[in-house]
Amino acid sequence: MVEIVQTISVVEIIMLKTIFIFLVVIIVLILSSLLLLVEWIIGLFNKGLKDRGSLRIVQGLFKALLFISGTRVTIIGKENLPTDRSVLYVCNHKSFFDILINYANMPGLTGFISKMEISKVPILRIWMKNVKCLFMDRDDLKQSLKVILSAIDYIKEGISIFIFPEGTRCKEDDDFLPFKAGSFKIATKSGCDVIPVAINNSSSAFEKQFPWIKKAHVIVEYGEPIVVKDMDKEQIKGLPELAQNKVMEMYEKNKALV
């Protein structure tokens, strides 16, 4: 009987925590309208200050949400996060939490490429645009190409880009979807380095017990840069496979740390 009561208590706590987190997100999005107005005014006089302010506000919110959710993150290879140049980050994708976890760690302004459906969320859409995120319609090749071209322009402006080249979340723990070659044009056309990123166990925070949020220990490793500008045509052709192999190697290595 005691065990049943304890189990019910744990379930109730998880439910209440999840509801609380979603309420916090909704309230923050609504209240942040005032901050958006302030950011817009700042941008009229100092665009760089607005960009840096937006970055820190979003990172602060994401870190708070990770703390409230009980998501503990172990970071490996933080020294591979460049602070002096823009790069292309490529990561495996298991959870909605992948975005929160990685964006909270970015050393500078970084645009994430997100699916078009996210752009329909009021207020959130504006914040994402403020931090240079791009929205891709995977069913529209012409629109997808425009997004890739915009990402190349961002790289040239010194803004890094973060992509999930599988194209969608892979629901099986140890499986990977093929890395799509098109997204690597951001690196091959701009000449920027590619940083492989492996994330382990992020689905334990949410997807494994959807719609509830639970405590989870997540491992993120940032690998050594892949220098694209020194590659010949054959090496460039094999870049998606090379990047995926590096991500998979880190993922397999870090499974024991979860």
C-alpha atoms as a PDB file:
ATOM      1  CA  MET A   1       0.000   0.000   0.000  1.00  0.00           C
ATOM      2  CA  VAL A   2       2.836   2.368   0.896  1.00  0.00           C
ATOM      3  CA  GLU A   3       4.560   1.584  -2.432  1.00  0.00           C
ATOM      4  CA  ILE A   4       1.346   2.413  -4.332  1.00  0.00           C
ATOM      5  CA  VAL A   5       1.029   5.726  -2.494  1.00  0.00           C
ATOM      6  CA  GLN A   6       4.672   6.524  -3.209  1.00  0.00           C
ATOM      7  CA  THR A   7       4.222   5.671  -6.901  1.00  0.00           C
ATOM      8  CA  ILE A   8       1.140   7.867  -7.121  1.00  0.00           C
ATOM      9  CA  SER A   9       3.044  10.677  -5.414  1.00  0.00           C
ATOM     10  CA  VAL A  10       5.895  10.449  -7.909  1.00  0.00           C
ATOM     11  CA  VAL A  11       3.470  10.460 -10.846  1.00  0.00           C
ATOM     12  CA  GLU A  12       1.636  13.445  -9.409  1.00  0.00           C
ATOM     13  CA  ILE A  13       4.894  15.330  -8.935  1.00  0.00           C
ATOM     14  CA  ILE A  14       5.910  14.685 -12.560  1.00  0.00           C
ATOM     15  CA  MET A  15       2.488  15.844 -13.780  1.00  0.00           C
ATOM     16  CA  LEU A  16       2.536  18.989 -11.646  1.00  0.00           C
ATOM     17  CA  LYS A  17       6.102  19.814 -12.705  1.00  0.00           C
ATOM     18  CA  THR A  18       5.208  19.429 -16.379  1.00  0.00           C
ATOM     19  CA  ILE A  19       2.139  21.632 -16.038  1.00  0.00           C
ATOM     20  CA  PHE A  20       4.203  24.195 -14.130  1.00  0.00           C
ATOM     21  CA  ILE A  21       6.876  24.282 -16.835  1.00  0.00           C
ATOM     22  CA  PHE A  22       4.328  24.792 -19.597  1.00  0.00           C
ATOM     23  CA  LEU A  23       2.660  27.563 -17.576  1.00  0.00           C
ATOM     24  CA  VAL A  24       6.032  29.243 -17.071  1.00  0.00           C
ATOM     25  CA  VAL A  25       6.708  29.109 -20.818  1.00  0.00           C
ATOM     26  CA  ILE A  26       3.318  30.622 -21.646  1.00  0.00           C
ATOM     27  CA  ILE A  27       3.607  33.376 -19.013  1.00  0.00           C
ATOM     28  CA  VAL A  28       7.174  34.236 -20.042  1.00  0.00           C
ATOM     29  CA  LEU A  29       6.200  34.423 -23.717  1.00  0.00           C
ATOM     30  CA  ILE A  30       3.360  36.799 -22.887  1.00  0.00           C
ATOM     31  CA  LEU A  31       5.405  38.999 -20.555  1.00  0.00           C
ATOM     32  CA  SER A  32       8.334  39.021 -22.972  1.00  0.00           C
ATOM     33  CA  SER A  33       6.278  41.201 -25.323  1.00  0.00           C
ATOM     34  CA  LEU A  34       7.522  44.165 -23.293  1.00  0.00           C
ATOM     35  CA  LEU A  35      11.100  42.982 -23.699  1.00  0.00           C
ATOM     36  CA  LEU A  36      10.562  42.654 -27.443  1.00  0.00           C
ATOM     37  CA  LEU A  37       9.497  46.290 -27.543  1.00  0.00           C
ATOM     38  CA  VAL A  38      12.620  47.301 -25.634  1.00  0.00           C
ATOM     39  CA  GLU A  39      14.778  45.174 -27.941  1.00  0.00           C
ATOM     40  CA  TRP A  40      13.160  46.772 -30.989  1.00  0.00           C
ATOM     41  CA  ILE A  41      13.925  50.275 -29.697  1.00  0.00           C
ATOM     42  CA  ILE A  42      17.523  49.298 -28.881  1.00  0.00           C
ATOM     43  CA  GLY A  43      17.864  47.874 -32.401  1.00  0.00           C
ATOM     44  CA  LEU A  44      16.992  51.252 -33.910  1.00  0.00           C
ATOM     45  CA  PHE A  45      20.198  52.676 -32.420  1.00  0.00           C
ATOM     46  CA  ASN A  46      22.506  49.695 -31.879  1.00  0.00           C
ATOM     47  CA  LYS A  47      21.789  46.473 -33.764  1.00  0.00           C
ATOM     48  CA  GLY A  48      24.760  44.649 -32.249  1.00  0.00           C
ATOM     49  CA  LEU A  49      23.572  45.388 -28.720  1.00  0.00           C
ATOM     50  CA  LYS A  50      20.086  44.166 -29.605  1.00  0.00           C
ATOM     51  CA  ASP A  51      21.490  40.901 -31.003  1.00  0.00           C
ATOM     52  CA  ARG A  52      23.628  40.266 -27.922  1.00  0.00           C
ATOM     53  CA  GLY A  53      20.729  41.127 -25.632  1.00  0.00           C
ATOM     54  CA  SER A  54      18.381  38.740 -27.431  1.00  0.00           C
ATOM     55  CA  LEU A  55      20.977  35.974 -27.232  1.00  0.00           C
ATOM     56  CA  ARG A  56      21.453  36.332 -23.463  1.00  0.00           C
ATOM     57  CA  ILE A  57      17.720  36.594 -22.763  1.00  0.00           C
ATOM     58  CA  VAL A  58      16.931  33.427 -24.718  1.00  0.00           C
ATOM     59  CA  GLN A  59      19.878  31.570 -23.185  1.00  0.00           C
ATOM     60  CA  GLY A  60      18.801  32.652 -19.704  1.00  0.00           C
ATOM     61  CA  LEU A  61      15.267  31.379 -20.288  1.00  0.00           C
ATOM     62  CA  PHE A  62      16.502  28.051 -21.672  1.00  0.00           C
ATOM     63  CA  LYS A  63      18.854  27.533 -18.720  1.00  0.00           C
ATOM     64  CA  ALA A  64      15.989  28.269 -16.325  1.00  0.00           C
ATOM     65  CA  LEU A  65      13.737  25.746 -18.068  1.00  0.00           C
ATOM     66  CA  LEU A  66      16.450  23.089 -17.955  1.00  0.00           C
ATOM     67  CA  PHE A  67      16.924  23.731 -14.237  1.00  0.00           C
ATOM     68  CA  ILE A  68      13.192  23.562 -13.487  1.00  0.00           C
ATOM     69  CA  SER A  69      12.815  20.366 -15.524  1.00  0.00           C
ATOM     70  CA  GLY A  70      15.670  18.711 -13.640  1.00  0.00           C
ATOM     71  CA  THR A  71      17.737  18.216 -16.782  1.00  0.00           C
ATOM     72  CA  ARG A  72      21.386  17.806 -15.812  1.00  0.00           C
ATOM     73  CA  VAL A  73      23.804  18.370 -18.670  1.00  0.00           C
ATOM     74  CA  THR A  74      27.380  17.108 -18.889  1.00  0.00           C
ATOM     75  CA  ILE A  75      29.385  18.922 -21.566  1.00  0.00           C
ATOM     76  CA  ILE A  76      32.446  17.430 -23.227  1.00  0.00           C
ATOM     77  CA  GLY A  77      34.706  19.310 -25.625  1.00  0.00           C
ATOM     78  CA  LYS A  78      33.634  22.818 -24.712  1.00  0.00           C
ATOM     79  CA  GLU A  79      37.066  23.972 -25.869  1.00  0.00           C
ATOM     80  CA  ASN A  80      35.956  23.110 -29.416  1.00  0.00           C
ATOM     81  CA  LEU A  81      33.313  25.853 -29.368  1.00  0.00           C
ATOM     82  CA  PRO A  82      34.965  28.667 -31.364  1.00  0.00           C
ATOM     83  CA  THR A  83      34.587  32.243 -30.158  1.00  0.00           C
ATOM     84  CA  ASP A  84      36.516  33.919 -32.968  1.00  0.00           C
ATOM     85  CA  ARG A  85      34.663  32.723 -36.074  1.00  0.00           C
ATOM     86  CA  SER A  86      31.345  31.431 -37.342  1.00  0.00           C
ATOM     87  CA  VAL A  87      30.902  27.692 -37.907  1.00  0.00           C
ATOM     88  CA  LEU A  88      28.305  25.114 -38.862  1.00  0.00           C
ATOM     89  CA  TYR A  89      27.203  22.850 -36.008  1.00  0.00           C
ATOM     90  CA  VAL A  90      25.709  19.483 -37.015  1.00  0.00           C
ATOM     91  CA  CYS A  91      23.985  17.341 -34.383  1.00  0.00           C
ATOM     92  CA  ASN A  92      21.921  14.184 -34.054  1.00  0.00           C
ATOM     93  CA  HIS A  93      18.321  14.865 -33.077  1.00  0.00           C
ATOM     94  CA  LYS A  94      16.371  12.934 -30.431  1.00  0.00           C
ATOM     95  CA  SER A  95      14.314  15.490 -28.517  1.00  0.00           C
ATOM     96  CA  PHE A  96      12.790  18.952 -28.366  1.00  0.00           C
ATOM     97  CA  PHE A  97      15.241  19.459 -25.504  1.00  0.00           C
ATOM     98  CA  ASP A  98      18.149  19.270 -27.984  1.00  0.00           C
ATOM     99  CA  ILE A  99      17.504  22.900 -28.929  1.00  0.00           C
ATOM    100  CA  LEU A 100      17.311  24.176 -25.348  1.00  0.00           C
ATOM    101  CA  ILE A 101      20.427  22.294 -24.279  1.00  0.00           C
ATOM    102  CA  ASN A 102      22.604  23.335 -27.205  1.00  0.00           C
ATOM    103  CA  TYR A 103      21.450  26.940 -27.491  1.00  0.00           C
ATOM    104  CA  ALA A 104      22.170  27.476 -23.805  1.00  0.00           C
ATOM    105  CA  ASN A 105      25.820  26.561 -24.544  1.00  0.00           C
ATOM    106  CA  MET A 106      26.459  28.624 -27.656  1.00  0.00           C
ATOM    107  CA  PRO A 107      29.315  31.126 -27.144  1.00  0.00           C
ATOM    108  CA  GLY A 108      27.882  33.639 -29.599  1.00  0.00           C
ATOM    109  CA  LEU A 109      24.969  34.437 -31.857  1.00  0.00           C
ATOM    110  CA  THR A 110      23.862  31.211 -33.518  1.00  0.00           C
ATOM    111  CA  GLY A 111      20.932  30.675 -35.847  1.00  0.00           C
ATOM    112  CA  PHE A 112      19.156  27.336 -35.526  1.00  0.00           C
ATOM    113  CA  ILE A 113      17.360  25.984 -38.587  1.00  0.00           C
ATOM    114  CA  SER A 114      13.902  24.958 -37.424  1.00  0.00           C
ATOM    115  CA  LYS A 115      10.865  23.420 -39.067  1.00  0.00           C
ATOM    116  CA  MET A 116       8.320  25.824 -40.517  1.00  0.00           C
ATOM    117  CA  GLU A 117       5.590  24.811 -38.046  1.00  0.00           C
ATOM    118  CA  ILE A 118       7.425  26.573 -35.191  1.00  0.00           C
ATOM    119  CA  SER A 119       7.089  29.910 -37.010  1.00  0.00           C
ATOM    120  CA  LYS A 120       3.335  29.781 -36.379  1.00  0.00           C
ATOM    121  CA  VAL A 121       3.759  30.215 -32.608  1.00  0.00           C
ATOM    122  CA  PRO A 122       3.122  33.890 -31.717  1.00  0.00           C
ATOM    123  CA  ILE A 123       5.892  35.799 -29.902  1.00  0.00           C
ATOM    124  CA  LEU A 124       8.192  32.754 -29.998  1.00  0.00           C
ATOM    125  CA  ARG A 125       8.566  33.366 -33.736  1.00  0.00           C
ATOM    126  CA  ILE A 126       9.793  36.922 -33.102  1.00  0.00           C
ATOM    127  CA  TRP A 127      12.318  35.851 -30.477  1.00  0.00           C
ATOM    128  CA  MET A 128      13.661  33.161 -32.789  1.00  0.00           C
ATOM    129  CA  LYS A 129      14.067  35.660 -35.609  1.00  0.00           C
ATOM    130  CA  ASN A 130      15.849  38.005 -33.212  1.00  0.00           C
ATOM    131  CA  VAL A 131      18.468  35.312 -32.558  1.00  0.00           C
ATOM    132  CA  LYS A 132      18.780  34.619 -36.306  1.00  0.00           C
ATOM    133  CA  CYS A 133      16.877  31.335 -36.462  1.00  0.00           C
ATOM    134  CA  LEU A 134      15.586  30.265 -39.863  1.00  0.00           C
ATOM    135  CA  PHE A 135      12.439  28.314 -40.667  1.00  0.00           C
ATOM    136  CA  MET A 136      12.549  25.606 -43.311  1.00  0.00           C
ATOM    137  CA  ASP A 137       9.639  23.982 -45.112  1.00  0.00           C
ATOM    138  CA  ARG A 138      10.965  20.502 -45.803  1.00  0.00           C
ATOM    139  CA  ASP A 139       8.283  19.921 -48.438  1.00  0.00           C
ATOM    140  CA  ASP A 140       9.202  23.025 -50.437  1.00  0.00           C
ATOM    141  CA  LEU A 141      12.549  22.636 -52.218  1.00  0.00           C
ATOM    142  CA  LYS A 142      12.599  26.237 -53.440  1.00  0.00           C
ATOM    143  CA  GLN A 143      11.971  27.618 -49.960  1.00  0.00           C
ATOM    144  CA  SER A 144      14.557  25.221 -48.474  1.00  0.00           C
ATOM    145  CA  LEU A 145      17.161  26.515 -50.923  1.00  0.00           C
ATOM    146  CA  LYS A 146      16.410  30.098 -49.874  1.00  0.00           C
ATOM    147  CA  VAL A 147      16.959  29.115 -46.255  1.00  0.00           C
ATOM    148  CA  ILE A 148      20.324  27.534 -47.121  1.00  0.00           C
ATOM    149  CA  LEU A 149      21.353  30.709 -48.965  1.00  0.00           C
ATOM    150  CA  SER A 150      20.285  32.845 -45.995  1.00  0.00           C
ATOM    151  CA  ALA A 151      22.314  30.605 -43.693  1.00  0.00           C
ATOM    152  CA  ILE A 152      25.375  31.057 -45.918  1.00  0.00           C
ATOM    153  CA  ASP A 153      24.925  34.829 -45.669  1.00  0.00           C
ATOM    154  CA  TYR A 154      24.743  34.570 -41.884  1.00  0.00           C
ATOM    155  CA  ILE A 155      27.983  32.579 -41.791  1.00  0.00           C
ATOM    156  CA  LYS A 156      29.679  35.275 -43.860  1.00  0.00           C
ATOM    157  CA  GLU A 157      28.371  37.893 -41.409  1.00  0.00           C
ATOM    158  CA  GLY A 158      29.966  36.031 -38.493  1.00  0.00           C
ATOM    159  CA  ILE A 159      26.809  34.277 -37.235  1.00  0.00           C
ATOM    160  CA  SER A 160      27.114  30.530 -36.679  1.00  0.00           C
ATOM    161  CA  ILE A 161      24.433  28.091 -37.832  1.00  0.00           C
ATOM    162  CA  PHE A 162      23.187  25.001 -35.988  1.00  0.00           C
ATOM    163  CA  ILE A 163      21.412  22.243 -37.904  1.00  0.00           C
ATOM    164  CA  PHE A 164      20.003  18.773 -37.309  1.00  0.00           C
ATOM    165  CA  PRO A 165      20.897  17.212 -40.677  1.00  0.00           C
ATOM    166  CA  GLU A 166      18.734  14.135 -40.116  1.00  0.00           C
ATOM    167  CA  GLY A 167      15.860  16.489 -40.954  1.00  0.00           C
ATOM    168  CA  THR A 168      13.635  15.324 -38.107  1.00  0.00           C
ATOM    169  CA  ARG A 169      13.850  13.616 -34.736  1.00  0.00           C
ATOM    170  CA  CYS A 170      14.982   9.998 -34.820  1.00  0.00           C
ATOM    171  CA  LYS A 171      12.762   8.187 -32.319  1.00  0.00           C
ATOM    172  CA  GLU A 172      14.891   5.079 -31.833  1.00  0.00           C
ATOM    173  CA  ASP A 173      17.594   5.504 -29.183  1.00  0.00           C
ATOM    174  CA  ASP A 174      20.604   4.102 -31.005  1.00  0.00           C
ATOM    175  CA  ASP A 175      19.515   4.714 -34.591  1.00  0.00           C
ATOM    176  CA  PHE A 176      20.497   7.559 -36.879  1.00  0.00           C
ATOM    177  CA  LEU A 177      18.736   8.859 -39.951  1.00  0.00           C
ATOM    178  CA  PRO A 178      21.051   9.674 -42.889  1.00  0.00           C
ATOM    179  CA  PHE A 179      22.542  13.164 -42.750  1.00  0.00           C
ATOM    180  CA  LYS A 180      21.063  15.149 -45.636  1.00  0.00           C
ATOM    181  CA  ALA A 181      23.730  16.490 -47.982  1.00  0.00           C
ATOM    182  CA  GLY A 182      21.923  19.740 -48.815  1.00  0.00           C
ATOM    183  CA  SER A 183      22.447  21.288 -45.410  1.00  0.00           C
ATOM    184  CA  PHE A 184      26.234  20.887 -45.714  1.00  0.00           C
ATOM    185  CA  LYS A 185      26.236  23.407 -48.566  1.00  0.00           C
ATOM    186  CA  ILE A 186      26.230  26.006 -45.794  1.00  0.00           C
ATOM    187  CA  ALA A 187      29.797  24.945 -45.021  1.00  0.00           C
ATOM    188  CA  THR A 188      31.038  24.074 -48.505  1.00  0.00           C
ATOM    189  CA  LYS A 189      29.810  27.351 -50.030  1.00  0.00           C
ATOM    190  CA  SER A 190      30.991  29.566 -47.176  1.00  0.00           C
ATOM    191  CA  GLY A 191      34.202  27.696 -46.332  1.00  0.00           C
ATOM    192  CA  CYS A 192      33.427  27.562 -42.614  1.00  0.00           C
ATOM    193  CA  ASP A 193      34.431  24.716 -40.311  1.00  0.00           C
ATOM    194  CA  VAL A 194      31.948  22.024 -39.323  1.00  0.00           C
ATOM    195  CA  ILE A 195      31.614  21.159 -35.631  1.00  0.00           C
ATOM    196  CA  PRO A 196      30.123  17.669 -35.083  1.00  0.00           C
ATOM    197  CA  VAL A 197      27.864  17.493 -32.021  1.00  0.00           C
ATOM    198  CA  ALA A 198      26.624  14.313 -30.309  1.00  0.00           C
ATOM    199  CA  ILE A 199      23.815  14.351 -27.756  1.00  0.00           C
ATOM    200  CA  ASN A 200      22.896  11.360 -25.585  1.00  0.00           C
ATOM    201  CA  ASN A 201      19.747  10.647 -23.563  1.00  0.00           C
ATOM    202  CA  SER A 202      17.866  13.900 -24.250  1.00  0.00           C
ATOM    203  CA  SER A 203      14.689  11.968 -25.085  1.00  0.00           C
ATOM    204  CA  SER A 204      14.549  10.776 -21.466  1.00  0.00           C
ATOM    205  CA  ALA A 205      13.563  14.292 -20.439  1.00  0.00           C
ATOM    206  CA  PHE A 206      10.343  14.322 -22.456  1.00  0.00           C
ATOM    207  CA  GLU A 207       9.712  12.036 -25.419  1.00  0.00           C
ATOM    208  CA  LYS A 208      10.086   8.689 -23.637  1.00  0.00           C
ATOM    209  CA  GLN A 209       7.190   9.492 -21.311  1.00  0.00           C
ATOM    210  CA  PHE A 210       5.333  12.016 -23.483  1.00  0.00           C
ATOM    211  CA  PRO A 211       3.598  14.280 -22.516  1.00  0.00           C
ATOM    212  CA  TRP A 212       5.366  14.375 -19.130  1.00  0.00           C
ATOM    213  CA  ILE A 213       8.735  15.901 -18.309  1.00  0.00           C
ATOM    214  CA  LYS A 214      11.137  13.976 -16.057  1.00  0.00           C
ATOM    215  CA  LYS A 215      14.619  14.433 -14.662  1.00  0.00           C
ATOM    216  CA  ALA A 216      17.339  13.340 -17.069  1.00  0.00           C
ATOM    217  CA  HIS A 217      21.093  13.275 -17.375  1.00  0.00           C
ATOM    218  CA  VAL A 218      22.116  14.398 -20.847  1.00  0.00           C
ATOM    219  CA  ILE A 219      25.589  14.160 -22.372  1.00  0.00           C
ATOM    220  CA  VAL A 220      26.642  16.628 -25.070  1.00  0.00           C
ATOM    221  CA  GLU A 221      29.985  16.432 -26.818  1.00  0.00           C
ATOM    222  CA  TYR A 222      31.362  19.032 -29.214  1.00  0.00           C
ATOM    223  CA  GLY A 223      33.901  17.412 -31.496  1.00  0.00           C
ATOM    224  CA  GLU A 224      36.999  18.833 -33.116  1.00  0.00           C
ATOM    225  CA  PRO A 225      36.340  21.053 -36.142  1.00  0.00           C
ATOM    226  CA  ILE A 226      36.231  19.535 -39.611  1.00  0.00           C
ATOM    227  CA  VAL A 227      38.176  21.978 -41.781  1.00  0.00           C
ATOM    228  CA  VAL A 228      36.195  22.216 -45.011  1.00  0.00           C
ATOM    229  CA  LYS A 229      38.255  24.818 -46.856  1.00  0.00           C
ATOM    230  CA  ASP A 230      41.183  22.377 -47.202  1.00  0.00           C
ATOM    231  CA  MET A 231      39.038  19.596 -48.729  1.00  0.00           C
ATOM    232  CA  ASP A 232      39.149  18.532 -52.369  1.00  0.00           C
ATOM    233  CA  LYS A 233      36.006  17.690 -54.391  1.00  0.00           C
ATOM    234  CA  GLU A 234      35.919  14.042 -53.382  1.00  0.00           C
ATOM    235  CA  GLN A 235      36.316  14.877 -49.702  1.00  0.00           C
ATOM    236  CA  ILE A 236      33.551  17.476 -49.927  1.00  0.00           C
ATOM    237  CA  LYS A 237      31.287  14.884 -51.509  1.00  0.00           C
ATOM    238  CA  GLY A 238      31.868  12.620 -48.520  1.00  0.00           C
ATOM    239  CA  LEU A 239      31.445  15.405 -45.932  1.00  0.00           C
ATOM    240  CA  PRO A 240      27.923  14.373 -44.753  1.00  0.00           C
ATOM    241  CA  GLU A 241      29.064  10.799 -44.137  1.00  0.00           C
ATOM    242  CA  LEU A 242      32.276  11.966 -42.431  1.00  0.00           C
ATOM    243  CA  ALA A 243      30.338  14.275 -40.109  1.00  0.00           C
ATOM    244  CA  GLN A 244      27.771  11.595 -39.295  1.00  0.00           C
ATOM    245  CA  ASN A 245      30.475   9.045 -38.523  1.00  0.00           C
ATOM    246  CA  LYS A 246      32.114  11.462 -36.083  1.00  0.00           C
ATOM    247  CA  VAL A 247      28.780  12.157 -34.383  1.00  0.00           C
ATOM    248  CA  MET A 248      28.053   8.430 -34.148  1.00  0.00           C
ATOM    249  CA  GLU A 249      31.492   7.696 -32.685  1.00  0.00           C
ATOM    250  CA  MET A 250      30.990  10.272 -29.931  1.00  0.00           C
ATOM    251  CA  TYR A 251      27.450   9.040 -29.292  1.00  0.00           C
ATOM    252  CA  GLU A 252      28.582   5.420 -28.866  1.00  0.00           C
ATOM    253  CA  LYS A 253      31.490   6.442 -26.653  1.00  0.00           C
ATOM    254  CA  ASN A 254      29.284   8.521 -24.341  1.00  0.00           C
ATOM    255  CA  LYS A 255      26.490   5.944 -23.861  1.00  0.00           C
ATOM    256  CA  ALA A 256      28.356   4.614 -20.846  1.00  0.00           C
ATOM    257  CA  LEU A 257      28.261   8.045 -19.163  1.00  0.00           C
ATOM    258  CA  VAL A 258      24.489   8.399 -19.013  1.00  0.00           C
END
